[in-house]
Amino acid sequence: DGNALLTRCVDWSSRVHNTLYVVAGNQGSGGIPIPTDN
């Protein structure tokens, strides 16, 4: 829902540090979804 600490960190840093975060999309099977909800 966008509220994990790492997801919020990515959105904060994007704005404060003016950098584009590019995140590998989740691939399931117990995958690594956070921070794909950025």
All heavy atoms as atom14 arrays in JSON, in Angstrom:
{
  "sequence": "DGNALLTRCVDWSSRVHNTLYVVAGNQGSGGIPIPTDN",
  "atom14_mask": [
    [1, 1, 1, 1, 1, 1, 1, 1, 0, 0, 0, 0, 0, 0],
    [1, 1, 1, 1, 0, 0, 0, 0, 0, 0, 0, 0, 0, 0],
    [1, 1, 1, 1, 1, 1, 1, 1, 0, 0, 0, 0, 0, 0],
    [1, 1, 1, 1, 1, 0, 0, 0, 0, 0, 0, 0, 0, 0],
    [1, 1, 1, 1, 1, 1, 1, 1, 0, 0, 0, 0, 0, 0],
    [1, 1, 1, 1, 1, 1, 1, 1, 0, 0, 0, 0, 0, 0],
    [1, 1, 1, 1, 1, 1, 1, 0, 0, 0, 0, 0, 0, 0],
    [1, 1, 1, 1, 1, 1, 1, 1, 1, 1, 1, 0, 0, 0],
    [1, 1, 1, 1, 1, 1, 0, 0, 0, 0, 0, 0, 0, 0],
    [1, 1, 1, 1, 1, 1, 1, 0, 0, 0, 0, 0, 0, 0],
    [1, 1, 1, 1, 1, 1, 1, 1, 0, 0, 0, 0, 0, 0],
    [1, 1, 1, 1, 1, 1, 1, 1, 1, 1, 1, 1, 1, 1],
    [1, 1, 1, 1, 1, 1, 0, 0, 0, 0, 0, 0, 0, 0],
    [1, 1, 1, 1, 1, 1, 0, 0, 0, 0, 0, 0, 0, 0],
    [1, 1, 1, 1, 1, 1, 1, 1, 1, 1, 1, 0, 0, 0],
    [1, 1, 1, 1, 1, 1, 1, 0, 0, 0, 0, 0, 0, 0],
    [1, 1, 1, 1, 1, 1, 1, 1, 1, 1, 0, 0, 0, 0],
    [1, 1, 1, 1, 1, 1, 1, 1, 0, 0, 0, 0, 0, 0],
    [1, 1, 1, 1, 1, 1, 1, 0, 0, 0, 0, 0, 0, 0],
    [1, 1, 1, 1, 1, 1, 1, 1, 0, 0, 0, 0, 0, 0],
    [1, 1, 1, 1, 1, 1, 1, 1, 1, 1, 1, 1, 0, 0],
    [1, 1, 1, 1, 1, 1, 1, 0, 0, 0, 0, 0, 0, 0],
    [1, 1, 1, 1, 1, 1, 1, 0, 0, 0, 0, 0, 0, 0],
    [1, 1, 1, 1, 1, 0, 0, 0, 0, 0, 0, 0, 0, 0],
    [1, 1, 1, 1, 0, 0, 0, 0, 0, 0, 0, 0, 0, 0],
    [1, 1, 1, 1, 1, 1, 1, 1, 0, 0, 0, 0, 0, 0],
    [1, 1, 1, 1, 1, 1, 1, 1, 1, 0, 0, 0, 0, 0],
    [1, 1, 1, 1, 0, 0, 0, 0, 0, 0, 0, 0, 0, 0],
    [1, 1, 1, 1, 1, 1, 0, 0, 0, 0, 0, 0, 0, 0],
    [1, 1, 1, 1, 0, 0, 0, 0, 0, 0, 0, 0, 0, 0],
    [1, 1, 1, 1, 0, 0, 0, 0, 0, 0, 0, 0, 0, 0],
    [1, 1, 1, 1, 1, 1, 1, 1, 0, 0, 0, 0, 0, 0],
    [1, 1, 1, 1, 1, 1, 1, 0, 0, 0, 0, 0, 0, 0],
    [1, 1, 1, 1, 1, 1, 1, 1, 0, 0, 0, 0, 0, 0],
    [1, 1, 1, 1, 1, 1, 1, 0, 0, 0, 0, 0, 0, 0],
    [1, 1, 1, 1, 1, 1, 1, 0, 0, 0, 0, 0, 0, 0],
    [1, 1, 1, 1, 1, 1, 1, 1, 0, 0, 0, 0, 0, 0],
    [1, 1, 1, 1, 1, 1, 1, 1, 0, 0, 0, 0, 0, 0]
  ],
  "atom14_positions": [
    [[0.81, -1.21, 0.0], [0.0, 0.0, 0.0], [0.85, 1.27, 0.0], [0.33, 2.36, 0.21], [-0.94, 0.01, 1.21], [-0.19, -0.07, 2.54], [1.06, -0.18, 2.52], [-0.86, -0.03, 3.59], [0.0, 0.0, 0.0], [0.0, 0.0, 0.0], [0.0, 0.0, 0.0], [0.0, 0.0, 0.0], [0.0, 0.0, 0.0], [0.0, 0.0, 0.0]],
    [[2.15, 1.12, -0.24], [3.02, 2.28, -0.28], [3.53, 2.72, 1.07], [4.22, 3.75, 1.17], [0.0, 0.0, 0.0], [0.0, 0.0, 0.0], [0.0, 0.0, 0.0], [0.0, 0.0, 0.0], [0.0, 0.0, 0.0], [0.0, 0.0, 0.0], [0.0, 0.0, 0.0], [0.0, 0.0, 0.0], [0.0, 0.0, 0.0], [0.0, 0.0, 0.0]],
    [[3.27, 1.96, 2.14], [3.59, 2.42, 3.48], [4.72, 1.68, 4.16], [5.03, 1.97, 5.33], [2.33, 2.37, 4.36], [1.33, 3.42, 3.94], [1.69, 4.55, 3.63], [0.05, 3.04, 3.92], [0.0, 0.0, 0.0], [0.0, 0.0, 0.0], [0.0, 0.0, 0.0], [0.0, 0.0, 0.0], [0.0, 0.0, 0.0], [0.0, 0.0, 0.0]],
    [[5.36, 0.73, 3.49], [6.56, 0.12, 4.06], [7.64, 1.19, 4.19], [7.7, 2.14, 3.41], [7.05, -1.02, 3.17], [0.0, 0.0, 0.0], [0.0, 0.0, 0.0], [0.0, 0.0, 0.0], [0.0, 0.0, 0.0], [0.0, 0.0, 0.0], [0.0, 0.0, 0.0], [0.0, 0.0, 0.0], [0.0, 0.0, 0.0], [0.0, 0.0, 0.0]],
    [[8.51, 1.05, 5.17], [9.53, 2.07, 5.4], [10.39, 2.27, 4.16], [10.69, 3.41, 3.79], [10.4, 1.69, 6.6], [11.44, 2.76, 7.01], [11.57, 2.83, 8.52], [12.82, 2.47, 6.4], [0.0, 0.0, 0.0], [0.0, 0.0, 0.0], [0.0, 0.0, 0.0], [0.0, 0.0, 0.0], [0.0, 0.0, 0.0], [0.0, 0.0, 0.0]],
    [[10.81, 1.18, 3.52], [11.68, 1.32, 2.35], [10.95, 2.01, 1.2], [11.54, 2.83, 0.48], [12.2, -0.04, 1.91], [13.16, -0.03, 0.72], [14.39, 0.82, 1.0], [13.58, -1.46, 0.35], [0.0, 0.0, 0.0], [0.0, 0.0, 0.0], [0.0, 0.0, 0.0], [0.0, 0.0, 0.0], [0.0, 0.0, 0.0], [0.0, 0.0, 0.0]],
    [[9.68, 1.71, 1.02], [8.91, 2.35, -0.04], [8.78, 3.84, 0.22], [8.97, 4.67, -0.68], [7.51, 1.72, -0.15], [7.65, 0.32, -0.41], [6.71, 2.37, -1.26], [0.0, 0.0, 0.0], [0.0, 0.0, 0.0], [0.0, 0.0, 0.0], [0.0, 0.0, 0.0], [0.0, 0.0, 0.0], [0.0, 0.0, 0.0], [0.0, 0.0, 0.0]],
    [[8.47, 4.21, 1.45], [8.4, 5.64, 1.79], [9.76, 6.3, 1.63], [9.86, 7.45, 1.2], [7.89, 5.8, 3.22], [6.4, 5.5, 3.39], [5.94, 5.77, 4.81], [4.48, 5.7, 4.92], [3.81, 5.99, 6.03], [4.47, 6.37, 7.11], [2.5, 5.91, 6.06], [0.0, 0.0, 0.0], [0.0, 0.0, 0.0], [0.0, 0.0, 0.0]],
    [[10.82, 5.57, 1.97], [12.18, 6.1, 1.82], [12.47, 6.42, 0.36], [13.02, 7.48, 0.04], [13.19, 5.09, 2.35], [14.91, 5.52, 2.06], [0.0, 0.0, 0.0], [0.0, 0.0, 0.0], [0.0, 0.0, 0.0], [0.0, 0.0, 0.0], [0.0, 0.0, 0.0], [0.0, 0.0, 0.0], [0.0, 0.0, 0.0], [0.0, 0.0, 0.0]],
    [[12.11, 5.51, -0.53], [12.33, 5.73, -1.97], [11.59, 6.97, -2.45], [12.14, 7.81, -3.17], [11.9, 4.48, -2.77], [11.74, 4.79, -4.25], [12.91, 3.35, -2.58], [0.0, 0.0, 0.0], [0.0, 0.0, 0.0], [0.0, 0.0, 0.0], [0.0, 0.0, 0.0], [0.0, 0.0, 0.0], [0.0, 0.0, 0.0], [0.0, 0.0, 0.0]],
    [[10.34, 7.12, -2.05], [9.57, 8.28, -2.49], [10.09, 9.58, -1.88], [10.1, 10.63, -2.52], [8.09, 8.08, -2.16], [7.4, 7.12, -3.11], [8.01, 6.75, -4.13], [6.24, 6.76, -2.85], [0.0, 0.0, 0.0], [0.0, 0.0, 0.0], [0.0, 0.0, 0.0], [0.0, 0.0, 0.0], [0.0, 0.0, 0.0], [0.0, 0.0, 0.0]],
    [[10.54, 9.51, -0.64], [11.16, 10.69, 0.0], [12.46, 11.08, -0.7], [12.67, 12.25, -1.05], [11.42, 10.38, 1.48], [12.32, 11.36, 2.17], [11.99, 12.62, 2.6], [13.7, 11.17, 2.49], [13.09, 13.21, 3.19], [14.15, 12.34, 3.13], [14.6, 10.12, 2.31], [15.46, 12.5, 3.58], [15.9, 10.27, 2.76], [16.32, 11.45, 3.39]],
    [[13.32, 10.11, -0.92], [14.61, 10.39, -1.55], [14.44, 10.87, -2.99], [15.19, 11.74, -3.45], [15.5, 9.14, -1.51], [16.74, 9.36, -2.11], [0.0, 0.0, 0.0], [0.0, 0.0, 0.0], [0.0, 0.0, 0.0], [0.0, 0.0, 0.0], [0.0, 0.0, 0.0], [0.0, 0.0, 0.0], [0.0, 0.0, 0.0], [0.0, 0.0, 0.0]],
    [[13.46, 10.32, -3.71], [13.21, 10.78, -5.08], [13.02, 12.29, -5.11], [13.56, 12.99, -5.99], [11.94, 10.11, -5.63], [12.09, 8.73, -5.73], [0.0, 0.0, 0.0], [0.0, 0.0, 0.0], [0.0, 0.0, 0.0], [0.0, 0.0, 0.0], [0.0, 0.0, 0.0], [0.0, 0.0, 0.0], [0.0, 0.0, 0.0], [0.0, 0.0, 0.0]],
    [[12.26, 12.79, -4.16], [11.94, 14.22, -4.12], [13.1, 15.04, -3.55], [13.51, 16.04, -4.14], [10.68, 14.44, -3.27], [10.25, 15.89, -3.12], [8.98, 15.99, -2.3], [9.14, 15.46, -0.95], [9.63, 16.17, 0.08], [10.01, 17.43, -0.1], [9.73, 15.62, 1.29], [0.0, 0.0, 0.0], [0.0, 0.0, 0.0], [0.0, 0.0, 0.0]],
    [[13.64, 14.61, -2.4], [14.65, 15.4, -1.69], [15.98, 15.4, -2.42], [16.67, 16.42, -2.5], [14.81, 14.89, -0.24], [15.98, 15.55, 0.46], [13.51, 15.12, 0.53], [0.0, 0.0, 0.0], [0.0, 0.0, 0.0], [0.0, 0.0, 0.0], [0.0, 0.0, 0.0], [0.0, 0.0, 0.0], [0.0, 0.0, 0.0], [0.0, 0.0, 0.0]],
    [[16.35, 14.26, -2.99], [17.63, 14.14, -3.67], [17.52, 14.25, -5.19], [18.54, 14.2, -5.88], [18.3, 12.81, -3.31], [18.53, 12.64, -1.84], [18.01, 11.58, -1.11], [19.19, 13.41, -0.95], [18.36, 11.7, 0.15], [19.07, 12.8, 0.28], [0.0, 0.0, 0.0], [0.0, 0.0, 0.0], [0.0, 0.0, 0.0], [0.0, 0.0, 0.0]],
    [[16.3, 14.41, -5.69], [16.06, 14.55, -7.13], [16.77, 13.45, -7.91], [17.57, 13.69, -8.81], [16.51, 15.92, -7.64], [16.13, 16.15, -9.08], [15.09, 15.65, -9.55], [16.94, 16.87, -9.81], [0.0, 0.0, 0.0], [0.0, 0.0, 0.0], [0.0, 0.0, 0.0], [0.0, 0.0, 0.0], [0.0, 0.0, 0.0], [0.0, 0.0, 0.0]],
    [[16.43, 12.22, -7.58], [17.0, 11.08, -8.3], [15.87, 10.13, -8.66], [14.91, 9.96, -7.89], [18.08, 10.37, -7.45], [18.73, 9.38, -8.25], [17.5, 9.72, -6.21], [0.0, 0.0, 0.0], [0.0, 0.0, 0.0], [0.0, 0.0, 0.0], [0.0, 0.0, 0.0], [0.0, 0.0, 0.0], [0.0, 0.0, 0.0], [0.0, 0.0, 0.0]],
    [[15.96, 9.54, -9.84], [14.93, 8.62, -10.31], [15.26, 7.21, -9.87], [16.27, 6.65, -10.28], [14.81, 8.68, -11.84], [13.75, 7.77, -12.45], [12.35, 8.17, -11.99], [13.84, 7.79, -13.97], [0.0, 0.0, 0.0], [0.0, 0.0, 0.0], [0.0, 0.0, 0.0], [0.0, 0.0, 0.0], [0.0, 0.0, 0.0], [0.0, 0.0, 0.0]],
    [[14.43, 6.64, -9.0], [14.62, 5.26, -8.58], [13.99, 4.34, -9.62], [12.82, 4.49, -9.98], [13.98, 5.02, -7.22], [14.85, 5.5, -6.07], [14.86, 6.84, -5.7], [15.69, 4.63, -5.39], [15.66, 7.29, -4.66], [16.5, 5.07, -4.36], [16.48, 6.4, -3.99], [17.29, 6.85, -2.97], [0.0, 0.0, 0.0], [0.0, 0.0, 0.0]],
    [[14.77, 3.38, -10.09], [14.31, 2.38, -11.07], [14.36, 1.04, -10.39], [15.43, 0.57, -9.99], [15.17, 2.41, -12.34], [14.68, 1.38, -13.33], [15.15, 3.81, -12.96], [0.0, 0.0, 0.0], [0.0, 0.0, 0.0], [0.0, 0.0, 0.0], [0.0, 0.0, 0.0], [0.0, 0.0, 0.0], [0.0, 0.0, 0.0], [0.0, 0.0, 0.0]],
    [[13.2, 0.41, -10.24], [13.05, -0.77, -9.4], [12.68, -1.98, -10.24], [11.77, -1.91, -11.08], [11.97, -0.53, -8.33], [11.8, -1.75, -7.43], [12.31, 0.71, -7.49], [0.0, 0.0, 0.0], [0.0, 0.0, 0.0], [0.0, 0.0, 0.0], [0.0, 0.0, 0.0], [0.0, 0.0, 0.0], [0.0, 0.0, 0.0], [0.0, 0.0, 0.0]],
    [[13.41, -3.08, -10.03], [13.1, -4.32, -10.73], [11.73, -4.8, -10.31], [11.44, -4.94, -9.11], [14.16, -5.38, -10.41], [0.0, 0.0, 0.0], [0.0, 0.0, 0.0], [0.0, 0.0, 0.0], [0.0, 0.0, 0.0], [0.0, 0.0, 0.0], [0.0, 0.0, 0.0], [0.0, 0.0, 0.0], [0.0, 0.0, 0.0], [0.0, 0.0, 0.0]],
    [[10.84, -5.03, -11.29], [9.48, -5.45, -11.0], [9.44, -6.8, -10.3], [10.26, -7.69, -10.56], [0.0, 0.0, 0.0], [0.0, 0.0, 0.0], [0.0, 0.0, 0.0], [0.0, 0.0, 0.0], [0.0, 0.0, 0.0], [0.0, 0.0, 0.0], [0.0, 0.0, 0.0], [0.0, 0.0, 0.0], [0.0, 0.0, 0.0], [0.0, 0.0, 0.0]],
    [[8.49, -6.98, -9.43], [8.37, -8.2, -8.67], [8.11, -9.4, -9.57], [7.34, -9.3, -10.52], [7.24, -8.05, -7.65], [7.01, -9.3, -6.86], [7.95, -10.02, -6.59], [5.77, -9.56, -6.52], [0.0, 0.0, 0.0], [0.0, 0.0, 0.0], [0.0, 0.0, 0.0], [0.0, 0.0, 0.0], [0.0, 0.0, 0.0], [0.0, 0.0, 0.0]],
    [[8.72, -10.54, -9.24], [8.55, -11.74, -10.05], [7.89, -12.89, -9.29], [7.87, -14.01, -9.77], [9.9, -12.2, -10.61], [10.36, -11.28, -11.71], [11.75, -11.58, -12.19], [12.33, -10.76, -12.86], [12.32, -12.72, -11.88], [0.0, 0.0, 0.0], [0.0, 0.0, 0.0], [0.0, 0.0, 0.0], [0.0, 0.0, 0.0], [0.0, 0.0, 0.0]],
    [[7.38, -12.64, -8.11], [6.53, -13.63, -7.45], [7.27, -14.79, -6.84], [8.48, -14.75, -6.62], [0.0, 0.0, 0.0], [0.0, 0.0, 0.0], [0.0, 0.0, 0.0], [0.0, 0.0, 0.0], [0.0, 0.0, 0.0], [0.0, 0.0, 0.0], [0.0, 0.0, 0.0], [0.0, 0.0, 0.0], [0.0, 0.0, 0.0], [0.0, 0.0, 0.0]],
    [[6.52, -15.86, -6.54], [7.04, -17.07, -5.9], [7.72, -16.71, -4.58], [8.82, -17.17, -4.29], [8.0, -17.82, -6.83], [7.34, -18.15, -8.02], [0.0, 0.0, 0.0], [0.0, 0.0, 0.0], [0.0, 0.0, 0.0], [0.0, 0.0, 0.0], [0.0, 0.0, 0.0], [0.0, 0.0, 0.0], [0.0, 0.0, 0.0], [0.0, 0.0, 0.0]],
    [[7.06, -15.84, -3.81], [7.65, -15.36, -2.58], [8.62, -14.23, -2.84], [9.45, -13.91, -2.01], [0.0, 0.0, 0.0], [0.0, 0.0, 0.0], [0.0, 0.0, 0.0], [0.0, 0.0, 0.0], [0.0, 0.0, 0.0], [0.0, 0.0, 0.0], [0.0, 0.0, 0.0], [0.0, 0.0, 0.0], [0.0, 0.0, 0.0], [0.0, 0.0, 0.0]],
    [[8.49, -13.57, -3.96], [9.44, -12.6, -4.5], [9.79, -11.44, -3.6], [9.77, -11.55, -2.39], [0.0, 0.0, 0.0], [0.0, 0.0, 0.0], [0.0, 0.0, 0.0], [0.0, 0.0, 0.0], [0.0, 0.0, 0.0], [0.0, 0.0, 0.0], [0.0, 0.0, 0.0], [0.0, 0.0, 0.0], [0.0, 0.0, 0.0], [0.0, 0.0, 0.0]],
    [[10.11, -10.32, -4.16], [10.62, -9.18, -3.4], [9.79, -7.94, -3.75], [10.26, -7.02, -4.39], [12.12, -8.95, -3.67], [12.4, -8.85, -5.16], [12.94, -10.06, -3.05], [13.8, -8.43, -5.48], [0.0, 0.0, 0.0], [0.0, 0.0, 0.0], [0.0, 0.0, 0.0], [0.0, 0.0, 0.0], [0.0, 0.0, 0.0], [0.0, 0.0, 0.0]],
    [[8.55, -7.9, -3.33], [7.65, -6.83, -3.77], [7.96, -5.45, -3.25], [7.67, -4.46, -3.92], [6.29, -7.3, -3.29], [6.57, -8.22, -2.15], [7.85, -8.91, -2.51], [0.0, 0.0, 0.0], [0.0, 0.0, 0.0], [0.0, 0.0, 0.0], [0.0, 0.0, 0.0], [0.0, 0.0, 0.0], [0.0, 0.0, 0.0], [0.0, 0.0, 0.0]],
    [[8.51, -5.32, -2.05], [8.84, -4.0, -1.51], [10.18, -3.56, -2.11], [11.15, -4.33, -2.02], [8.94, -4.04, 0.03], [7.61, -4.48, 0.65], [9.36, -2.7, 0.59], [7.7, -4.8, 2.13], [0.0, 0.0, 0.0], [0.0, 0.0, 0.0], [0.0, 0.0, 0.0], [0.0, 0.0, 0.0], [0.0, 0.0, 0.0], [0.0, 0.0, 0.0]],
    [[10.34, -2.41, -2.73], [9.44, -1.26, -2.81], [8.74, -1.08, -4.17], [8.66, 0.04, -4.68], [10.41, -0.1, -2.56], [11.65, -0.52, -3.32], [11.71, -2.03, -3.18], [0.0, 0.0, 0.0], [0.0, 0.0, 0.0], [0.0, 0.0, 0.0], [0.0, 0.0, 0.0], [0.0, 0.0, 0.0], [0.0, 0.0, 0.0], [0.0, 0.0, 0.0]],
    [[8.23, -2.17, -4.75], [7.54, -2.01, -6.04], [6.21, -1.27, -5.89], [5.56, -0.99, -6.9], [7.28, -3.37, -6.71], [6.48, -4.18, -5.85], [8.58, -4.09, -7.01], [0.0, 0.0, 0.0], [0.0, 0.0, 0.0], [0.0, 0.0, 0.0], [0.0, 0.0, 0.0], [0.0, 0.0, 0.0], [0.0, 0.0, 0.0], [0.0, 0.0, 0.0]],
    [[5.82, -0.95, -4.65], [4.61, -0.14, -4.44], [4.95, 1.33, -4.28], [4.16, 2.1, -3.73], [3.82, -0.65, -3.23], [4.65, -0.73, -1.95], [5.9, -0.77, -2.05], [4.05, -0.79, -0.86], [0.0, 0.0, 0.0], [0.0, 0.0, 0.0], [0.0, 0.0, 0.0], [0.0, 0.0, 0.0], [0.0, 0.0, 0.0], [0.0, 0.0, 0.0]],
    [[6.13, 1.74, -4.78], [6.5, 3.16, -4.75], [5.64, 3.96, -5.72], [5.05, 3.42, -6.66], [8.0, 3.34, -5.06], [8.31, 3.09, -6.52], [8.16, 3.95, -7.38], [8.75, 1.85, -6.82], [0.0, 0.0, 0.0], [0.0, 0.0, 0.0], [0.0, 0.0, 0.0], [0.0, 0.0, 0.0], [0.0, 0.0, 0.0], [0.0, 0.0, 0.0]]
  ]
}
